[in-house]
């Protein structure tokens, strides 16, 4: 089974959120780095066309809800 580009982007966003939170907790983020900027740097160029701020927000909401229940 091969993942579609949108599925790949969702996986990268989810991972990016987790890594961003970990770096933030440890104080290892470069100054003025937003979560969006952090995730944008993690997405390979060939699938960046699938990345939108709305998708990042949707994945963030889902991950936050899943971890809070």
N, C-alpha and C. Protein backbone atom coordinates (compact mmCIF):
# COMPACT_ATOMS: atom_id res chain seq x y z
N UNK A 1 0.84 -1.18 0.00
CA UNK A 1 0.00 0.00 0.00
C UNK A 1 0.89 1.25 0.00
N UNK A 2 0.59 2.14 -0.88
CA UNK A 2 1.33 3.39 -0.97
C UNK A 2 0.46 4.53 -0.45
N UNK A 3 1.05 5.38 0.36
CA UNK A 3 0.33 6.53 0.88
C UNK A 3 0.16 7.60 -0.19
N UNK A 4 -0.99 8.22 -0.20
CA UNK A 4 -1.22 9.37 -1.08
C UNK A 4 -0.48 10.57 -0.49
N UNK A 5 -0.21 11.56 -1.33
CA UNK A 5 0.52 12.74 -0.86
C UNK A 5 -0.16 13.43 0.32
N UNK A 6 -1.50 13.49 0.30
CA UNK A 6 -2.20 14.13 1.41
C UNK A 6 -2.00 13.34 2.71
N UNK A 7 -1.98 12.03 2.62
CA UNK A 7 -1.73 11.21 3.80
C UNK A 7 -0.31 11.42 4.31
N UNK A 8 0.62 11.55 3.40
CA UNK A 8 2.02 11.81 3.80
C UNK A 8 2.12 13.14 4.53
N UNK A 9 1.46 14.16 4.00
CA UNK A 9 1.50 15.49 4.62
C UNK A 9 0.87 15.44 6.01
N UNK A 10 -0.24 14.74 6.16
CA UNK A 10 -0.89 14.62 7.47
C UNK A 10 0.04 13.94 8.47
N UNK A 11 0.73 12.90 8.04
CA UNK A 11 1.68 12.22 8.92
C UNK A 11 2.82 13.15 9.33
N UNK A 12 3.33 13.91 8.38
CA UNK A 12 4.43 14.84 8.67
C UNK A 12 3.95 15.96 9.61
N UNK A 13 2.74 16.46 9.38
CA UNK A 13 2.19 17.50 10.26
C UNK A 13 2.08 16.97 11.68
N UNK A 14 1.52 15.78 11.83
CA UNK A 14 1.34 15.19 13.15
C UNK A 14 2.68 15.01 13.86
N UNK A 15 3.64 14.51 13.13
CA UNK A 15 4.98 14.34 13.69
C UNK A 15 5.59 15.71 14.03
N UNK A 16 5.40 16.66 13.15
CA UNK A 16 5.94 18.01 13.37
C UNK A 16 5.37 18.66 14.62
N UNK A 17 4.08 18.44 14.85
CA UNK A 17 3.44 18.99 16.05
C UNK A 17 4.08 18.38 17.30
N UNK A 18 4.28 17.07 17.28
CA UNK A 18 4.88 16.39 18.43
C UNK A 18 6.31 16.86 18.68
N UNK A 19 7.10 16.96 17.63
CA UNK A 19 8.50 17.39 17.77
C UNK A 19 8.56 18.85 18.21
N UNK A 20 7.70 19.70 17.63
CA UNK A 20 7.65 21.11 18.01
C UNK A 20 7.36 21.24 19.51
N UNK A 21 6.36 20.49 19.99
CA UNK A 21 6.00 20.54 21.41
C UNK A 21 7.16 20.08 22.30
N UNK A 22 7.84 19.04 21.87
CA UNK A 22 8.98 18.53 22.63
C UNK A 22 10.10 19.57 22.68
N UNK A 23 10.43 20.14 21.53
CA UNK A 23 11.48 21.18 21.49
C UNK A 23 11.08 22.38 22.33
N UNK A 24 9.81 22.76 22.25
CA UNK A 24 9.32 23.91 23.01
C UNK A 24 9.45 23.64 24.51
N UNK A 25 9.07 22.43 24.91
CA UNK A 25 9.16 22.05 26.32
C UNK A 25 10.60 22.09 26.83
N UNK A 26 11.53 21.68 25.99
CA UNK A 26 12.93 21.64 26.37
C UNK A 26 13.66 22.97 26.15
N UNK A 27 12.98 23.92 25.53
CA UNK A 27 13.61 25.21 25.25
C UNK A 27 14.61 25.16 24.12
N UNK A 28 14.45 24.23 23.19
CA UNK A 28 15.39 24.06 22.09
C UNK A 28 14.95 24.67 20.77
N UNK A 29 13.88 25.44 20.77
CA UNK A 29 13.41 26.05 19.52
C UNK A 29 14.17 27.33 19.24
N UNK A 30 14.51 27.55 17.98
CA UNK A 30 15.08 28.86 17.64
C UNK A 30 14.06 29.96 17.97
N UNK A 31 14.52 31.11 18.33
CA UNK A 31 13.65 32.21 18.71
C UNK A 31 12.70 32.57 17.58
N UNK A 32 11.46 32.90 17.95
CA UNK A 32 10.41 33.32 17.02
C UNK A 32 10.04 32.27 15.98
N UNK A 33 10.18 31.00 16.30
CA UNK A 33 9.78 29.93 15.40
C UNK A 33 8.34 29.53 15.71
N UNK A 34 7.46 29.69 14.73
CA UNK A 34 6.08 29.28 14.93
C UNK A 34 5.94 27.80 14.56
N UNK A 35 4.86 27.20 15.02
CA UNK A 35 4.62 25.81 14.68
C UNK A 35 4.46 25.66 13.16
N UNK A 36 3.79 26.61 12.53
CA UNK A 36 3.61 26.55 11.08
C UNK A 36 4.97 26.59 10.37
N UNK A 37 5.84 27.49 10.76
CA UNK A 37 7.18 27.57 10.16
C UNK A 37 7.96 26.27 10.37
N UNK A 38 7.86 25.72 11.58
CA UNK A 38 8.55 24.49 11.90
C UNK A 38 8.08 23.35 11.00
N UNK A 39 6.77 23.22 10.85
CA UNK A 39 6.20 22.17 10.01
C UNK A 39 6.53 22.40 8.55
N UNK A 40 6.46 23.64 8.09
CA UNK A 40 6.76 23.97 6.70
C UNK A 40 8.16 23.51 6.31
N UNK A 41 9.12 23.63 7.22
CA UNK A 41 10.49 23.20 6.94
C UNK A 41 10.61 21.68 6.88
N UNK A 42 9.68 20.97 7.51
CA UNK A 42 9.76 19.50 7.56
C UNK A 42 9.12 18.82 6.35
N UNK A 43 8.28 19.54 5.63
CA UNK A 43 7.56 18.95 4.50
C UNK A 43 8.43 18.99 3.25
N UNK A 44 8.63 17.83 2.62
CA UNK A 44 9.42 17.80 1.38
C UNK A 44 8.76 18.65 0.28
N UNK A 45 9.58 19.28 -0.55
CA UNK A 45 9.09 20.17 -1.59
C UNK A 45 8.07 19.51 -2.51
N UNK A 46 8.25 18.21 -2.81
CA UNK A 46 7.37 17.56 -3.78
C UNK A 46 5.94 17.37 -3.28
N UNK A 47 5.70 17.55 -1.98
CA UNK A 47 4.33 17.44 -1.49
C UNK A 47 3.84 18.70 -0.76
N UNK A 48 4.61 19.78 -0.83
CA UNK A 48 4.21 21.03 -0.17
C UNK A 48 2.91 21.60 -0.72
N UNK A 49 2.56 21.24 -1.94
CA UNK A 49 1.32 21.77 -2.52
C UNK A 49 0.09 21.28 -1.75
N UNK A 50 0.23 20.20 -1.00
CA UNK A 50 -0.87 19.65 -0.19
C UNK A 50 -1.00 20.36 1.16
N UNK A 51 0.02 21.12 1.55
CA UNK A 51 0.07 21.74 2.87
C UNK A 51 -0.69 23.06 2.88
N UNK A 52 -1.60 23.21 3.83
CA UNK A 52 -2.33 24.47 4.01
C UNK A 52 -2.40 24.77 5.51
N UNK A 53 -2.55 26.04 5.86
CA UNK A 53 -2.72 26.37 7.28
C UNK A 53 -3.96 25.70 7.87
N UNK A 54 -5.01 25.57 7.06
CA UNK A 54 -6.23 24.93 7.53
C UNK A 54 -6.00 23.45 7.87
N UNK A 55 -5.19 22.77 7.05
CA UNK A 55 -4.89 21.37 7.32
C UNK A 55 -4.06 21.24 8.60
N UNK A 56 -3.10 22.13 8.78
CA UNK A 56 -2.31 22.11 10.02
C UNK A 56 -3.23 22.31 11.22
N UNK A 57 -4.15 23.27 11.14
CA UNK A 57 -5.09 23.52 12.23
C UNK A 57 -5.97 22.31 12.50
N UNK A 58 -6.45 21.68 11.43
CA UNK A 58 -7.32 20.51 11.59
C UNK A 58 -6.58 19.35 12.26
N UNK A 59 -5.36 19.09 11.82
CA UNK A 59 -4.57 18.01 12.43
C UNK A 59 -4.24 18.36 13.88
N UNK A 60 -3.89 19.63 14.14
CA UNK A 60 -3.59 20.06 15.51
C UNK A 60 -4.80 19.85 16.41
N UNK A 61 -5.99 20.23 15.95
CA UNK A 61 -7.20 20.05 16.74
C UNK A 61 -7.44 18.57 17.03
N UNK A 62 -7.28 17.74 16.02
CA UNK A 62 -7.50 16.30 16.20
C UNK A 62 -6.49 15.70 17.19
N UNK A 63 -5.22 16.02 17.01
CA UNK A 63 -4.18 15.50 17.91
C UNK A 63 -4.42 15.99 19.34
N UNK A 64 -4.76 17.25 19.49
CA UNK A 64 -5.02 17.79 20.83
C UNK A 64 -6.20 17.09 21.48
N UNK A 65 -7.26 16.88 20.72
CA UNK A 65 -8.44 16.21 21.26
C UNK A 65 -8.12 14.76 21.61
N UNK A 66 -7.39 14.08 20.75
CA UNK A 66 -7.06 12.67 20.97
C UNK A 66 -6.21 12.50 22.23
N UNK A 67 -5.32 13.44 22.49
CA UNK A 67 -4.45 13.33 23.67
C UNK A 67 -5.13 13.78 24.96
N UNK A 68 -6.21 14.54 24.83
CA UNK A 68 -6.88 15.03 26.03
C UNK A 68 -7.96 14.07 26.52
N UNK A 69 -8.32 13.09 25.70
CA UNK A 69 -9.38 12.17 26.14
C UNK A 69 -8.84 10.91 26.76
